[in-house]
PDB file of all heavy atoms in Angstrom:
ATOM      1  N   ALA A   1      26.394-129.852-105.114  1.00  0.00           N
ATOM      2  CA  ALA A   1      24.948-129.791-105.326  1.00  0.00           C
ATOM      3  C   ALA A   1      24.564-130.422-106.663  1.00  0.00           C
ATOM      4  O   ALA A   1      23.601-131.185-106.769  1.00  0.00           O
ATOM      5  CB  ALA A   1      24.457-128.350-105.252  1.00  0.00           C
ATOM      6  N   ALA A   2      25.345-130.085-107.713  1.00  0.00           N
ATOM      7  CA  ALA A   2      25.086-130.668-109.031  1.00  0.00           C
ATOM      8  C   ALA A   2      25.315-132.178-109.005  1.00  0.00           C
ATOM      9  O   ALA A   2      24.572-132.947-109.627  1.00  0.00           O
ATOM     10  CB  ALA A   2      25.989-130.014-110.073  1.00  0.00           C
ATOM     11  N   ALA A   3      26.337-132.623-108.277  1.00  0.00           N
ATOM     12  CA  ALA A   3      26.618-134.047-108.163  1.00  0.00           C
ATOM     13  C   ALA A   3      25.471-134.771-107.471  1.00  0.00           C
ATOM     14  O   ALA A   3      25.091-135.888-107.868  1.00  0.00           O
ATOM     15  CB  ALA A   3      27.918-134.271-107.411  1.00  0.00           C
ATOM     16  N   GLU A   4      24.906-134.146-106.440  1.00  0.00           N
ATOM     17  CA  GLU A   4      23.779-134.761-105.720  1.00  0.00           C
ATOM     18  C   GLU A   4      22.568-134.876-106.636  1.00  0.00           C
ATOM     19  O   GLU A   4      21.849-135.882-106.612  1.00  0.00           O
ATOM     20  CB  GLU A   4      23.452-133.926-104.488  1.00  0.00           C
ATOM     21  CG  GLU A   4      24.531-134.035-103.407  1.00  0.00           C
ATOM     22  CD  GLU A   4      24.293-133.054-102.265  1.00  0.00           C
ATOM     23  OE1 GLU A   4      23.483-132.122-102.428  1.00  0.00           O
ATOM     24  OE2 GLU A   4      24.935-133.215-101.211  1.00  0.00           O
ATOM     25  N   SER A   5      22.325-133.849-107.472  1.00  0.00           N
ATOM     26  CA  SER A   5      21.217-133.913-108.446  1.00  0.00           C
ATOM     27  C   SER A   5      21.483-134.979-109.497  1.00  0.00           C
ATOM     28  O   SER A   5      20.575-135.702-109.911  1.00  0.00           O
ATOM     29  CB  SER A   5      21.027-132.542-109.115  1.00  0.00           C
ATOM     30  OG  SER A   5      20.682-131.566-108.162  1.00  0.00           O
ATOM     31  N   LEU A   6      22.726-135.064-109.955  1.00  0.00           N
ATOM     32  CA  LEU A   6      23.106-136.065-110.958  1.00  0.00           C
ATOM     33  C   LEU A   6      22.835-137.469-110.434  1.00  0.00           C
ATOM     34  O   LEU A   6      22.347-138.338-111.168  1.00  0.00           O
ATOM     35  CB  LEU A   6      24.581-135.904-111.313  1.00  0.00           C
ATOM     36  CG  LEU A   6      25.163-136.937-112.286  1.00  0.00           C
ATOM     37  CD1 LEU A   6      24.544-136.768-113.671  1.00  0.00           C
ATOM     38  CD2 LEU A   6      26.680-136.805-112.385  1.00  0.00           C
ATOM     39  N   ALA A   7      23.174-137.702-109.182  1.00  0.00           N
ATOM     40  CA  ALA A   7      23.020-139.036-108.601  1.00  0.00           C
ATOM     41  C   ALA A   7      21.560-139.491-108.565  1.00  0.00           C
ATOM     42  O   ALA A   7      21.281-140.700-108.499  1.00  0.00           O
ATOM     43  CB  ALA A   7      23.595-139.056-107.194  1.00  0.00           C
ATOM     44  N   LYS A   8      20.628-138.521-108.617  1.00  0.00           N
ATOM     45  CA  LYS A   8      19.200-138.845-108.554  1.00  0.00           C
ATOM     46  C   LYS A   8      18.540-138.858-109.927  1.00  0.00           C
ATOM     47  O   LYS A   8      17.361-139.237-110.046  1.00  0.00           O
ATOM     48  CB  LYS A   8      18.494-137.838-107.655  1.00  0.00           C
ATOM     49  CG  LYS A   8      18.967-137.859-106.207  1.00  0.00           C
ATOM     50  CD  LYS A   8      18.313-136.752-105.404  1.00  0.00           C
ATOM     51  CE  LYS A   8      18.834-136.735-103.969  1.00  0.00           C
ATOM     52  NZ  LYS A   8      18.260-135.610-103.176  1.00  0.00           N
ATOM     53  N   ALA A   9      19.259-138.432-110.948  1.00  0.00           N
ATOM     54  CA  ALA A   9      18.677-138.315-112.288  1.00  0.00           C
ATOM     55  C   ALA A   9      18.363-139.694-112.883  1.00  0.00           C
ATOM     56  O   ALA A   9      19.182-140.617-112.812  1.00  0.00           O
ATOM     57  CB  ALA A   9      19.628-137.552-113.197  1.00  0.00           C
ATOM     58  N   ARG A  10      17.164-139.797-113.463  1.00  0.00           N
ATOM     59  CA  ARG A  10      16.745-141.080-114.048  1.00  0.00           C
ATOM     60  C   ARG A  10      17.402-141.344-115.396  1.00  0.00           C
ATOM     61  O   ARG A  10      17.479-142.495-115.836  1.00  0.00           O
ATOM     62  CB  ARG A  10      15.225-141.085-114.215  1.00  0.00           C
ATOM     63  CG  ARG A  10      14.454-141.013-112.888  1.00  0.00           C
ATOM     64  CD  ARG A  10      12.970-141.011-113.143  1.00  0.00           C
ATOM     65  NE  ARG A  10      12.204-140.942-111.890  1.00  0.00           N
ATOM     66  CZ  ARG A  10      10.875-140.901-111.816  1.00  0.00           C
ATOM     67  NH1 ARG A  10      10.171-140.923-112.940  1.00  0.00           N
ATOM     68  NH2 ARG A  10      10.270-140.836-110.655  1.00  0.00           N
ATOM     69  N   SER A  11      17.866-140.292-116.037  1.00  0.00           N
ATOM     70  CA  SER A  11      18.386-140.431-117.398  1.00  0.00           C
ATOM     71  C   SER A  11      19.805-140.994-117.450  1.00  0.00           C
ATOM     72  O   SER A  11      20.386-141.100-118.524  1.00  0.00           O
ATOM     73  CB  SER A  11      18.365-139.076-118.111  1.00  0.00           C
ATOM     74  OG  SER A  11      19.099-138.111-117.366  1.00  0.00           O
ATOM     75  N   ILE A  12      20.376-141.357-116.315  1.00  0.00           N
ATOM     76  CA  ILE A  12      21.771-141.861-116.312  1.00  0.00           C
ATOM     77  C   ILE A  12      21.839-143.357-115.979  1.00  0.00           C
ATOM     78  O   ILE A  12      22.912-143.867-115.669  1.00  0.00           O
ATOM     79  CB  ILE A  12      22.648-141.065-115.326  1.00  0.00           C
ATOM     80  CG1 ILE A  12      22.113-141.211-113.890  1.00  0.00           C
ATOM     81  CG2 ILE A  12      22.744-139.605-115.725  1.00  0.00           C
ATOM     82  CD1 ILE A  12      23.079-140.691-112.837  1.00  0.00           C
ATOM     83  N   LYS A  13      20.717-144.029-116.047  1.00  0.00           N
ATOM     84  CA  LYS A  13      20.732-145.449-115.681  1.00  0.00           C
ATOM     85  C   LYS A  13      21.647-146.281-116.579  1.00  0.00           C
ATOM     86  O   LYS A  13      22.137-147.331-116.163  1.00  0.00           O
ATOM     87  CB  LYS A  13      19.307-146.005-115.728  1.00  0.00           C
ATOM     88  CG  LYS A  13      18.437-145.511-114.579  1.00  0.00           C
ATOM     89  CD  LYS A  13      17.073-146.179-114.595  1.00  0.00           C
ATOM     90  CE  LYS A  13      16.234-145.734-113.397  1.00  0.00           C
ATOM     91  NZ  LYS A  13      14.907-146.379-113.370  1.00  0.00           N
ATOM     92  N   GLN A  14      21.864-145.811-117.824  1.00  0.00           N
ATOM     93  CA  GLN A  14      22.732-146.537-118.744  1.00  0.00           C
ATOM     94  C   GLN A  14      24.184-146.059-118.680  1.00  0.00           C
ATOM     95  O   GLN A  14      25.047-146.569-119.380  1.00  0.00           O
ATOM     96  CB  GLN A  14      22.218-146.399-120.186  1.00  0.00           C
ATOM     97  CG  GLN A  14      22.413-145.017-120.803  1.00  0.00           C
ATOM     98  CD  GLN A  14      21.278-144.058-120.465  1.00  0.00           C
ATOM     99  OE1 GLN A  14      20.803-144.007-119.332  1.00  0.00           O
ATOM    100  NE2 GLN A  14      20.858-143.301-121.469  1.00  0.00           N
ATOM    101  N   LEU A  15      24.468-145.073-117.816  1.00  0.00           N
ATOM    102  CA  LEU A  15      25.802-144.483-117.730  1.00  0.00           C
ATOM    103  C   LEU A  15      26.843-145.495-117.261  1.00  0.00           C
ATOM    104  O   LEU A  15      26.654-146.197-116.267  1.00  0.00           O
ATOM    105  CB  LEU A  15      25.780-143.299-116.755  1.00  0.00           C
ATOM    106  CG  LEU A  15      27.040-142.432-116.691  1.00  0.00           C
ATOM    107  CD1 LEU A  15      27.288-141.741-118.018  1.00  0.00           C
ATOM    108  CD2 LEU A  15      26.928-141.412-115.562  1.00  0.00           C
ATOM    109  N   ARG A  16      27.988-145.550-118.005  1.00  0.00           N
ATOM    110  CA  ARG A  16      29.069-146.476-117.663  1.00  0.00           C
ATOM    111  C   ARG A  16      30.369-145.752-117.303  1.00  0.00           C
ATOM    112  O   ARG A  16      31.174-146.281-116.546  1.00  0.00           O
ATOM    113  CB  ARG A  16      29.330-147.443-118.820  1.00  0.00           C
ATOM    114  CG  ARG A  16      28.144-148.360-119.119  1.00  0.00           C
ATOM    115  CD  ARG A  16      28.475-149.333-120.225  1.00  0.00           C
ATOM    116  NE  ARG A  16      27.327-150.140-120.585  1.00  0.00           N
ATOM    117  CZ  ARG A  16      26.931-151.241-119.938  1.00  0.00           C
ATOM    118  NH1 ARG A  16      27.631-151.660-118.886  1.00  0.00           N
ATOM    119  NH2 ARG A  16      25.880-151.921-120.327  1.00  0.00           N
ATOM    120  N   ARG A  17      30.572-144.547-117.850  1.00  0.00           N
ATOM    121  CA  ARG A  17      31.824-143.816-117.610  1.00  0.00           C
ATOM    122  C   ARG A  17      31.503-142.374-117.216  1.00  0.00           C
ATOM    123  O   ARG A  17      30.841-141.653-117.963  1.00  0.00           O
ATOM    124  CB  ARG A  17      32.691-143.847-118.870  1.00  0.00           C
ATOM    125  CG  ARG A  17      33.190-145.237-119.237  1.00  0.00           C
ATOM    126  CD  ARG A  17      33.802-145.269-120.630  1.00  0.00           C
ATOM    127  NE  ARG A  17      32.779-145.088-121.655  1.00  0.00           N
ATOM    128  CZ  ARG A  17      32.028-146.074-122.143  1.00  0.00           C
ATOM    129  NH1 ARG A  17      32.177-147.310-121.693  1.00  0.00           N
ATOM    130  NH2 ARG A  17      31.121-145.826-123.073  1.00  0.00           N
ATOM    131  N   LEU A  18      32.029-141.959-116.060  1.00  0.00           N
ATOM    132  CA  LEU A  18      31.762-140.620-115.548  1.00  0.00           C
ATOM    133  C   LEU A  18      33.052-139.949-115.105  1.00  0.00           C
ATOM    134  O   LEU A  18      33.832-140.523-114.331  1.00  0.00           O
ATOM    135  CB  LEU A  18      30.787-140.691-114.370  1.00  0.00           C
ATOM    136  CG  LEU A  18      30.474-139.375-113.645  1.00  0.00           C
ATOM    137  CD1 LEU A  18      29.848-138.357-114.593  1.00  0.00           C
ATOM    138  CD2 LEU A  18      29.562-139.621-112.443  1.00  0.00           C
ATOM    139  N   THR A  19      33.281-138.717-115.589  1.00  0.00           N
ATOM    140  CA  THR A  19      34.475-137.936-115.229  1.00  0.00           C
ATOM    141  C   THR A  19      34.053-136.558-114.749  1.00  0.00           C
ATOM    142  O   THR A  19      33.305-135.854-115.452  1.00  0.00           O
ATOM    143  CB  THR A  19      35.415-137.784-116.436  1.00  0.00           C
ATOM    144  OG1 THR A  19      35.852-139.069-116.873  1.00  0.00           O
ATOM    145  CG2 THR A  19      36.624-136.941-116.063  1.00  0.00           C
ATOM    146  N   ILE A  20      34.507-136.186-113.560  1.00  0.00           N
ATOM    147  CA  ILE A  20      34.301-134.829-113.041  1.00  0.00           C
ATOM    148  C   ILE A  20      35.599-134.430-112.339  1.00  0.00           C
ATOM    149  O   ILE A  20      35.818-134.790-111.178  1.00  0.00           O
ATOM    150  CB  ILE A  20      33.125-134.742-112.045  1.00  0.00           C
ATOM    151  CG1 ILE A  20      31.877-135.456-112.573  1.00  0.00           C
ATOM    152  CG2 ILE A  20      32.793-133.274-111.740  1.00  0.00           C
ATOM    153  CD1 ILE A  20      30.755-135.581-111.558  1.00  0.00           C
ATOM    154  N   SER A  21      36.464-133.717-113.002  1.00  0.00           N
ATOM    155  CA  SER A  21      37.785-133.395-112.447  1.00  0.00           C
ATOM    156  C   SER A  21      37.934-131.899-112.204  1.00  0.00           C
ATOM    157  O   SER A  21      37.381-131.072-112.937  1.00  0.00           O
ATOM    158  CB  SER A  21      38.892-133.868-113.397  1.00  0.00           C
ATOM    159  OG  SER A  21      38.863-135.270-113.528  1.00  0.00           O
ATOM    160  N   GLY A  22      38.695-131.565-111.158  1.00  0.00           N
ATOM    161  CA  GLY A  22      39.048-130.181-110.889  1.00  0.00           C
ATOM    162  C   GLY A  22      37.902-129.299-110.434  1.00  0.00           C
ATOM    163  O   GLY A  22      37.870-128.110-110.744  1.00  0.00           O
ATOM    164  N   LYS A  23      36.956-129.838-109.666  1.00  0.00           N
ATOM    165  CA  LYS A  23      35.779-129.071-109.268  1.00  0.00           C
ATOM    166  C   LYS A  23      35.624-128.925-107.760  1.00  0.00           C
ATOM    167  O   LYS A  23      34.569-128.503-107.275  1.00  0.00           O
ATOM    168  CB  LYS A  23      34.511-129.733-109.851  1.00  0.00           C
ATOM    169  CG  LYS A  23      34.490-129.805-111.362  1.00  0.00           C
ATOM    170  CD  LYS A  23      34.626-128.427-111.981  1.00  0.00           C
ATOM    171  CE  LYS A  23      34.782-128.495-113.478  1.00  0.00           C
ATOM    172  NZ  LYS A  23      35.020-127.173-114.070  1.00  0.00           N
ATOM    173  N   LYS A  24      36.621-129.281-106.986  1.00  0.00           N
ATOM    174  CA  LYS A  24      36.591-129.177-105.522  1.00  0.00           C
ATOM    175  C   LYS A  24      35.432-129.956-104.906  1.00  0.00           C
ATOM    176  O   LYS A  24      34.857-129.559-103.892  1.00  0.00           O
ATOM    177  CB  LYS A  24      36.524-127.710-105.102  1.00  0.00           C
ATOM    178  CG  LYS A  24      37.735-126.896-105.533  1.00  0.00           C
ATOM    179  CD  LYS A  24      37.643-125.452-105.060  1.00  0.00           C
ATOM    180  CE  LYS A  24      38.867-124.663-105.520  1.00  0.00           C
ATOM    181  NZ  LYS A  24      38.805-123.243-105.079  1.00  0.00           N
ATOM    182  N   LEU A  25      35.084-131.060-105.531  1.00  0.00           N
ATOM    183  CA  LEU A  25      34.036-131.918-104.977  1.00  0.00           C
ATOM    184  C   LEU A  25      34.515-132.521-103.660  1.00  0.00           C
ATOM    185  O   LEU A  25      35.674-132.886-103.519  1.00  0.00           O
ATOM    186  CB  LEU A  25      33.678-133.036-105.956  1.00  0.00           C
ATOM    187  CG  LEU A  25      33.164-132.595-107.343  1.00  0.00           C
ATOM    188  CD1 LEU A  25      32.894-133.805-108.211  1.00  0.00           C
ATOM    189  CD2 LEU A  25      31.908-131.749-107.208  1.00  0.00           C
ATOM    190  N   THR A  26      33.618-132.665-102.700  1.00  0.00           N
ATOM    191  CA  THR A  26      33.966-133.157-101.378  1.00  0.00           C
ATOM    192  C   THR A  26      33.356-134.524-101.125  1.00  0.00           C
ATOM    193  O   THR A  26      32.818-135.172-102.034  1.00  0.00           O
ATOM    194  CB  THR A  26      33.478-132.180-100.304  1.00  0.00           C
ATOM    195  OG1 THR A  26      32.042-132.224-100.230  1.00  0.00           O
ATOM    196  CG2 THR A  26      33.919-130.749-100.602  1.00  0.00           C
ATOM    197  N   ALA A  27      33.412-134.941 -99.863  1.00  0.00           N
ATOM    198  CA  ALA A  27      32.840-136.224 -99.462  1.00  0.00           C
ATOM    199  C   ALA A  27      31.339-136.284 -99.722  1.00  0.00           C
ATOM    200  O   ALA A  27      30.769-137.379 -99.839  1.00  0.00           O
ATOM    201  CB  ALA A  27      33.135-136.478 -97.990  1.00  0.00           C
ATOM    202  N   LEU A  28      30.682-135.111 -99.816  1.00  0.00           N
ATOM    203  CA  LEU A  28      29.247-135.091-100.094  1.00  0.00           C
ATOM    204  C   LEU A  28      28.924-135.717-101.448  1.00  0.00           C
ATOM    205  O   LEU A  28      27.913-136.406-101.608  1.00  0.00           O
ATOM    206  CB  LEU A  28      28.729-133.646-100.047  1.00  0.00           C
ATOM    207  CG  LEU A  28      28.751-132.974 -98.680  1.00  0.00           C
ATOM    208  CD1 LEU A  28      28.329-131.510 -98.808  1.00  0.00           C
ATOM    209  CD2 LEU A  28      27.843-133.722 -97.705  1.00  0.00           C
ATOM    210  N   THR A  29      29.793-135.500-102.420  1.00  0.00           N
ATOM    211  CA  THR A  29      29.617-136.118-103.740  1.00  0.00           C
ATOM    212  C   THR A  29      29.755-137.627-103.639  1.00  0.00           C
ATOM    213  O   THR A  29      28.959-138.382-104.216  1.00  0.00           O
ATOM    214  CB  THR A  29      30.649-135.556-104.732  1.00  0.00           C
ATOM    215  OG1 THR A  29      30.333-134.188-105.003  1.00  0.00           O
ATOM    216  CG2 THR A  29      30.646-136.339-106.031  1.00  0.00           C
ATOM    217  N   ALA A  30      30.772-138.085-102.902  1.00  0.00           N
ATOM    218  CA  ALA A  30      30.962-139.529-102.713  1.00  0.00           C
ATOM    219  C   ALA A  30      29.754-140.141-102.022  1.00  0.00           C
ATOM    220  O   ALA A  30      29.310-141.248-102.377  1.00  0.00           O
ATOM    221  CB  ALA A  30      32.230-139.779-101.909  1.00  0.00           C
ATOM    222  N   LYS A  31      29.214-139.435-101.041  1.00  0.00           N
ATOM    223  CA  LYS A  31      28.033-139.923-100.309  1.00  0.00           C
ATOM    224  C   LYS A  31      26.843-140.053-101.254  1.00  0.00           C
ATOM    225  O   LYS A  31      26.116-141.060-101.212  1.00  0.00           O
ATOM    226  CB  LYS A  31      27.707-138.970 -99.167  1.00  0.00           C
ATOM    227  CG  LYS A  31      26.544-139.428 -98.301  1.00  0.00           C
ATOM    228  CD  LYS A  31      26.305-138.444 -97.156  1.00  0.00           C
ATOM    229  CE  LYS A  31      25.140-138.916 -96.269  1.00  0.00           C
ATOM    230  NZ  LYS A  31      24.897-137.955 -95.160  1.00  0.00           N
ATOM    231  N   ALA A  32      26.642-139.035-102.108  1.00  0.00           N
ATOM    232  CA  ALA A  32      25.526-139.053-103.058  1.00  0.00           C
ATOM    233  C   ALA A  32      25.665-140.176-104.075  1.00  0.00           C
ATOM    234  O   ALA A  32      24.710-140.908-104.362  1.00  0.00           O
ATOM    235  CB  ALA A  32      25.431-137.701-103.766  1.00  0.00           C
ATOM    236  N   PHE A  33      26.874-140.338-104.630  1.00  0.00           N
ATOM    237  CA  PHE A  33      27.100-141.398-105.613  1.00  0.00           C
ATOM    238  C   PHE A  33      26.955-142.778-104.972  1.00  0.00           C
ATOM    239  O   PHE A  33      26.435-143.718-105.576  1.00  0.00           O
ATOM    240  CB  PHE A  33      28.472-141.256-106.250  1.00  0.00           C
ATOM    241  CG  PHE A  33      28.604-140.102-107.208  1.00  0.00           C
ATOM    242  CD1 PHE A  33      29.841-139.745-107.732  1.00  0.00           C
ATOM    243  CD2 PHE A  33      27.495-139.367-107.592  1.00  0.00           C
ATOM    244  CE1 PHE A  33      29.954-138.695-108.622  1.00  0.00           C
ATOM    245  CE2 PHE A  33      27.607-138.304-108.473  1.00  0.00           C
ATOM    246  CZ  PHE A  33      28.844-137.960-108.985  1.00  0.00           C
ATOM    247  N   GLY A  34      27.432-142.910-103.746  1.00  0.00           N
ATOM    248  CA  GLY A  34      27.349-144.184-103.047  1.00  0.00           C
ATOM    249  C   GLY A  34      25.941-144.597-102.724  1.00  0.00           C
ATOM    250  O   GLY A  34      25.649-145.801-102.583  1.00  0.00           O
ATOM    251  N   ALA A  35      25.040-143.624-102.605  1.00  0.00           N
ATOM    252  CA  ALA A  35      23.650-143.922-102.279  1.00  0.00           C
ATOM    253  C   ALA A  35      22.743-143.929-103.513  1.00  0.00           C
ATOM    254  O   ALA A  35      21.536-144.183-103.389  1.00  0.00           O
ATOM    255  CB  ALA A  35      23.130-142.892-101.273  1.00  0.00           C
ATOM    256  N   SER A  36      23.299-143.644-104.681  1.00  0.00           N
ATOM    257  CA  SER A  36      22.495-143.509-105.902  1.00  0.00           C
ATOM    258  C   SER A  36      21.832-144.812-106.308  1.00  0.00           C
ATOM    259  O   SER A  36      22.440-145.883-106.256  1.00  0.00           O
ATOM    260  CB  SER A  36      23.373-143.004-107.047  1.00  0.00           C
ATOM    261  OG  SER A  36      22.649-142.968-108.259  1.00  0.00           O
TER     262      SER A  36
END
């Protein structure tokens, strides 16, 4: 859910490096990032 919100946030347009490890993220996170 947090990943889906992150993918829509306007304040990350300049983001170049992102790390989210050990959080049991699923394909839903990949789907959100892929559509961001």
